[in-house]
Amino acid sequence: MGNDYAQQIERQLPMVRDPEIVRYINVLGDSIARVVDERDLTWRFSVVDEAEINAFAVPGGHIYVNRGLIERTTNMSELAGVLGHEIAHVTQRHSMKQMAAAQRANVGLSLGCILAPAACQGIAGTGVSAVAQLGFAKFSRDDETESDRFGVKYVTRAGIDPRGMPSMFRILLQERERNPGGVEAWFASHPVEESRVRTTEAEIAKIDPVILSSLTRDSPSFQAFKRRLASLPRSTVRSR
């Protein structure tokens, strides 16, 4: 199912196809996934050519990050934190559980709620509203907390500084104050509150300071990746 939805997503969303961008996001993602995946999935990491801030995971190891989110990052550990969080949604089977719940309710998973979860909020009395509640529209607070906790462990295990995760949360919260519409999709599917910053920081506080100081925060290759992405023309195709 995940592979089928990934094909639909990539037909409907504008994707960044530049080989260097594709290579880097997959190298970074694989460096995290390969040290935590017990099922030996074939992971695929993709950049969506959309200015809005968003990221999402599809069962089977498909992770998507919007160009707009990458543009807001300041260092490699912040993007790695997002990837670690989304990888955890797959390894902990959160997305799969939501798909199964939608099927049990006899409502097909709406692709529109994957691509634009904010559009599915507050719609009552329709099949779409049921899918929005049972599909990808919004992870539960418990699922988000679990993905945060595992995300911290995952990036640490990959040798990356986990402090990028609460740092990215702060960037998203600041962006919501400046430009609420630009982060609507992210907050519709991944509710971010100050409590999640505290939760991730508490998890990070458990790590030996000596180990923490040895982890990678940024790299020249990440900054080159950001510069190359910024140099690419933006897609004029909009998601449908």
Protein backbone atom coordinates (compact mmCIF):
# COMPACT_ATOMS: atom_id res chain seq x y z
CA MET A 1 0.00 0.00 0.00
CA GLY A 2 2.79 2.37 0.87
CA ASN A 3 4.46 1.86 -2.49
CA ASP A 4 1.15 2.47 -4.29
CA TYR A 5 0.53 5.71 -2.40
CA ALA A 6 4.11 6.83 -3.01
CA GLN A 7 3.56 6.47 -6.75
CA GLN A 8 0.37 8.51 -6.56
CA ILE A 9 2.05 11.18 -4.47
CA GLU A 10 4.92 11.53 -6.91
CA ARG A 11 2.50 11.87 -9.83
CA GLN A 12 0.60 14.65 -8.10
CA LEU A 13 3.30 16.60 -6.30
CA PRO A 14 6.13 18.54 -7.95
CA MET A 15 9.36 16.75 -7.04
CA VAL A 16 12.92 18.03 -7.06
CA ARG A 17 14.67 15.73 -9.55
CA ASP A 18 18.14 17.28 -9.47
CA PRO A 19 20.56 14.34 -9.07
CA GLU A 20 22.76 16.04 -6.47
CA ILE A 21 19.77 17.00 -4.31
CA VAL A 22 18.32 13.49 -4.58
CA ARG A 23 21.69 11.95 -3.77
CA TYR A 24 22.33 14.09 -0.68
CA ILE A 25 18.89 13.68 0.92
CA ASN A 26 19.15 9.90 0.44
CA VAL A 27 22.69 9.71 1.83
CA LEU A 28 21.64 11.66 4.92
CA GLY A 29 18.39 9.72 5.35
CA ASP A 30 20.06 6.35 4.83
CA SER A 31 22.74 7.20 7.40
CA ILE A 32 19.94 7.31 9.98
CA ALA A 33 17.61 4.60 8.67
CA ARG A 34 20.24 1.93 8.19
CA VAL A 35 21.23 1.94 11.88
CA VAL A 36 17.64 1.62 13.16
CA ASP A 37 15.68 -0.39 10.58
CA GLU A 38 15.13 -3.97 11.72
CA ARG A 39 12.99 -4.92 8.71
CA ASP A 40 15.56 -4.04 6.05
CA LEU A 41 13.23 -1.73 4.14
CA THR A 42 14.30 -0.02 0.94
CA TRP A 43 14.17 3.59 2.12
CA ARG A 44 13.53 6.47 -0.27
CA PHE A 45 13.94 10.11 0.69
CA SER A 46 12.52 12.78 -1.60
CA VAL A 47 12.35 16.57 -1.74
CA VAL A 48 8.98 18.05 -2.69
CA ASP A 49 9.27 21.29 -4.66
CA GLU A 50 6.81 23.20 -2.48
CA ALA A 51 7.46 26.41 -0.53
CA GLU A 52 5.18 25.38 2.35
CA ILE A 53 6.83 23.79 5.37
CA ASN A 54 5.93 20.13 5.60
CA ALA A 55 7.30 16.60 5.84
CA PHE A 56 5.53 13.27 5.94
CA ALA A 57 6.12 9.53 5.87
CA VAL A 58 4.37 6.79 3.95
CA PRO A 59 4.56 3.13 5.07
CA GLY A 60 7.26 1.12 3.36
CA GLY A 61 10.05 3.62 3.94
CA HIS A 62 9.01 6.62 1.80
CA ILE A 63 9.93 9.96 3.41
CA TYR A 64 9.08 13.33 1.86
CA VAL A 65 10.42 16.74 2.91
CA ASN A 66 9.24 19.99 1.38
CA ARG A 67 11.77 22.39 -0.08
CA GLY A 68 10.33 25.11 2.16
CA LEU A 69 11.27 23.18 5.31
CA ILE A 70 14.83 22.61 4.13
CA GLU A 71 15.16 26.31 3.37
CA ARG A 72 14.33 27.14 7.01
CA THR A 73 17.06 24.89 8.43
CA THR A 74 20.35 26.42 9.51
CA ASN A 75 22.42 23.26 9.90
CA MET A 76 22.46 19.57 9.06
CA SER A 77 21.29 18.37 12.48
CA GLU A 78 17.96 20.21 12.09
CA LEU A 79 17.11 18.42 8.85
CA ALA A 80 18.39 15.15 10.34
CA GLY A 81 16.03 15.63 13.29
CA VAL A 82 13.07 15.92 10.90
CA LEU A 83 14.16 12.80 9.03
CA GLY A 84 14.70 10.90 12.27
CA HIS A 85 11.21 11.83 13.42
CA GLU A 86 9.62 10.72 10.13
CA ILE A 87 11.65 7.51 10.08
CA ALA A 88 10.28 6.76 13.54
CA HIS A 89 6.71 7.15 12.25
CA VAL A 90 7.52 4.29 9.85
CA THR A 91 9.50 2.05 12.21
CA GLN A 92 6.86 2.40 14.93
CA ARG A 93 4.13 1.71 12.35
CA HIS A 94 2.12 4.84 13.11
CA SER A 95 1.23 5.45 9.45
CA MET A 96 0.38 1.79 8.94
CA LYS A 97 -1.94 1.80 11.96
CA GLN A 98 -3.79 4.80 10.54
CA MET A 99 -4.16 3.14 7.15
CA ALA A 100 -5.52 -0.01 8.80
CA ALA A 101 -7.97 2.03 10.88
CA ALA A 102 -9.25 3.75 7.74
CA GLN A 103 -9.76 0.40 6.05
CA ARG A 104 -11.61 -1.03 9.06
CA ALA A 105 -13.94 1.96 8.90
CA ASN A 106 -14.58 1.12 5.24
CA VAL A 107 -13.34 4.47 4.01
CA GLY A 108 -10.59 4.57 1.46
CA LEU A 109 -7.60 6.66 2.45
CA SER A 110 -7.95 10.03 0.76
CA LEU A 111 -4.81 11.02 -1.08
CA GLY A 112 -5.88 14.63 -0.69
CA CYS A 113 -5.57 14.31 3.08
CA ILE A 114 -1.99 13.11 2.68
CA LEU A 115 -1.03 15.94 0.36
CA ALA A 116 -2.95 18.72 2.11
CA PRO A 117 -4.02 17.56 5.59
CA ALA A 118 -5.09 21.06 6.62
CA ALA A 119 -7.79 20.98 3.95
CA CYS A 120 -9.34 17.94 5.65
CA GLN A 121 -9.72 19.54 9.05
CA GLY A 122 -13.14 20.58 10.27
CA ILE A 123 -15.12 18.89 7.47
CA ALA A 124 -18.06 17.12 9.06
CA GLY A 125 -20.50 14.54 7.76
CA THR A 126 -18.45 13.37 4.78
CA GLY A 127 -16.23 10.44 3.91
CA VAL A 128 -13.35 12.87 3.71
CA SER A 129 -13.75 13.87 7.35
CA ALA A 130 -13.57 10.23 8.45
CA VAL A 131 -10.44 9.71 6.41
CA ALA A 132 -8.92 12.90 7.78
CA GLN A 133 -9.41 11.59 11.29
CA LEU A 134 -8.23 8.05 10.54
CA GLY A 135 -5.68 8.69 7.84
CA PHE A 136 -2.65 10.95 7.67
CA ALA A 137 -4.40 14.12 8.77
CA LYS A 138 -3.00 14.14 12.28
CA PHE A 139 -0.88 11.83 14.38
CA SER A 140 -1.93 11.34 17.98
CA ARG A 141 -0.07 13.10 20.74
CA ASP A 142 1.28 9.72 21.89
CA ASP A 143 2.54 8.91 18.38
CA GLU A 144 4.24 12.30 18.11
CA THR A 145 5.90 11.89 21.50
CA GLU A 146 7.07 8.40 20.61
CA SER A 147 8.47 9.58 17.27
CA ASP A 148 10.27 12.44 19.01
CA ARG A 149 11.80 10.06 21.54
CA PHE A 150 12.90 7.54 18.94
CA GLY A 151 14.01 10.32 16.60
CA VAL A 152 16.45 11.58 19.24
CA LYS A 153 17.81 8.04 19.65
CA TYR A 154 18.03 7.45 15.92
CA VAL A 155 20.02 10.54 15.00
CA THR A 156 22.31 10.04 18.00
CA ARG A 157 22.97 6.47 16.93
CA ALA A 158 23.82 7.80 13.46
CA GLY A 159 26.44 10.12 14.97
CA ILE A 160 24.39 13.30 14.51
CA ASP A 161 23.70 15.90 17.20
CA PRO A 162 20.06 15.41 18.34
CA ARG A 163 19.82 19.01 19.53
CA GLY A 164 18.82 19.83 15.97
CA MET A 165 15.35 18.46 16.73
CA PRO A 166 14.27 20.96 19.42
CA SER A 167 16.09 23.65 17.43
CA MET A 168 13.90 22.87 14.40
CA PHE A 169 10.78 22.90 16.56
CA ARG A 170 11.66 26.41 17.70
CA ILE A 171 12.14 27.51 14.09
CA LEU A 172 8.68 26.13 13.25
CA LEU A 173 7.06 27.84 16.22
CA GLN A 174 8.66 31.16 15.26
CA GLU A 175 7.54 30.69 11.66
CA ARG A 176 3.97 30.11 12.83
CA GLU A 177 4.02 33.49 14.55
CA ARG A 178 5.39 35.24 11.44
CA ASN A 179 3.56 33.37 8.69
CA PRO A 180 0.85 30.96 9.92
CA GLY A 181 -0.19 29.97 6.40
CA GLY A 182 3.29 28.79 5.51
CA VAL A 183 3.31 26.09 8.19
CA GLU A 184 -0.37 25.12 8.07
CA ALA A 185 0.30 21.71 6.50
CA TRP A 186 2.98 20.84 9.07
CA PHE A 187 0.94 21.83 12.10
CA ALA A 188 -2.16 20.07 10.75
CA SER A 189 -0.33 16.74 10.65
CA HIS A 190 2.39 17.27 13.30
CA PRO A 191 1.13 19.40 16.17
CA VAL A 192 4.12 21.23 17.64
CA GLU A 193 3.95 22.83 21.06
CA GLU A 194 6.49 24.14 23.51
CA SER A 195 6.00 20.94 25.50
CA ARG A 196 7.58 18.97 22.64
CA VAL A 197 10.65 21.16 22.81
CA ARG A 198 10.92 20.37 26.51
CA THR A 199 10.29 16.66 25.91
CA THR A 200 13.07 16.34 23.34
CA GLU A 201 15.45 18.38 25.47
CA ALA A 202 14.72 16.09 28.42
CA GLU A 203 15.50 13.06 26.25
CA ILE A 204 18.73 14.67 25.08
CA ALA A 205 19.70 15.42 28.70
CA LYS A 206 19.96 11.64 29.26
CA ILE A 207 22.86 11.41 26.80
CA ASP A 208 26.40 11.41 28.19
CA PRO A 209 27.78 14.96 27.62
CA VAL A 210 31.04 13.49 26.31
CA ILE A 211 29.13 11.55 23.65
CA LEU A 212 26.94 14.56 22.87
CA SER A 213 29.96 16.79 22.29
CA SER A 214 31.37 14.30 19.77
CA LEU A 215 28.30 14.29 17.50
CA THR A 216 28.10 16.12 14.17
CA ARG A 217 26.02 19.29 14.03
CA ASP A 218 26.77 20.56 10.55
CA SER A 219 28.90 19.82 7.49
CA PRO A 220 30.19 21.58 4.37
CA SER A 221 28.27 19.06 2.24
CA PHE A 222 24.98 20.08 3.88
CA GLN A 223 25.63 23.76 3.26
CA ALA A 224 26.55 22.97 -0.36
CA PHE A 225 23.27 21.01 -0.62
CA LYS A 226 21.33 24.04 0.62
CA ARG A 227 23.08 26.39 -1.80
CA ARG A 228 22.39 24.06 -4.73
CA LEU A 229 18.72 23.75 -3.76
CA ALA A 230 18.44 27.55 -3.54
CA SER A 231 19.93 27.86 -7.04
CA LEU A 232 17.32 25.61 -8.65
CA PRO A 233 14.28 27.17 -10.34
CA ARG A 234 11.04 26.61 -8.50
CA SER A 235 8.38 24.38 -9.92
CA THR A 236 5.30 26.06 -11.32
CA VAL A 237 3.27 22.87 -10.86
CA ARG A 238 0.99 22.90 -7.82
CA SER A 239 -0.27 19.88 -5.91
CA ARG A 240 -3.84 18.84 -6.69
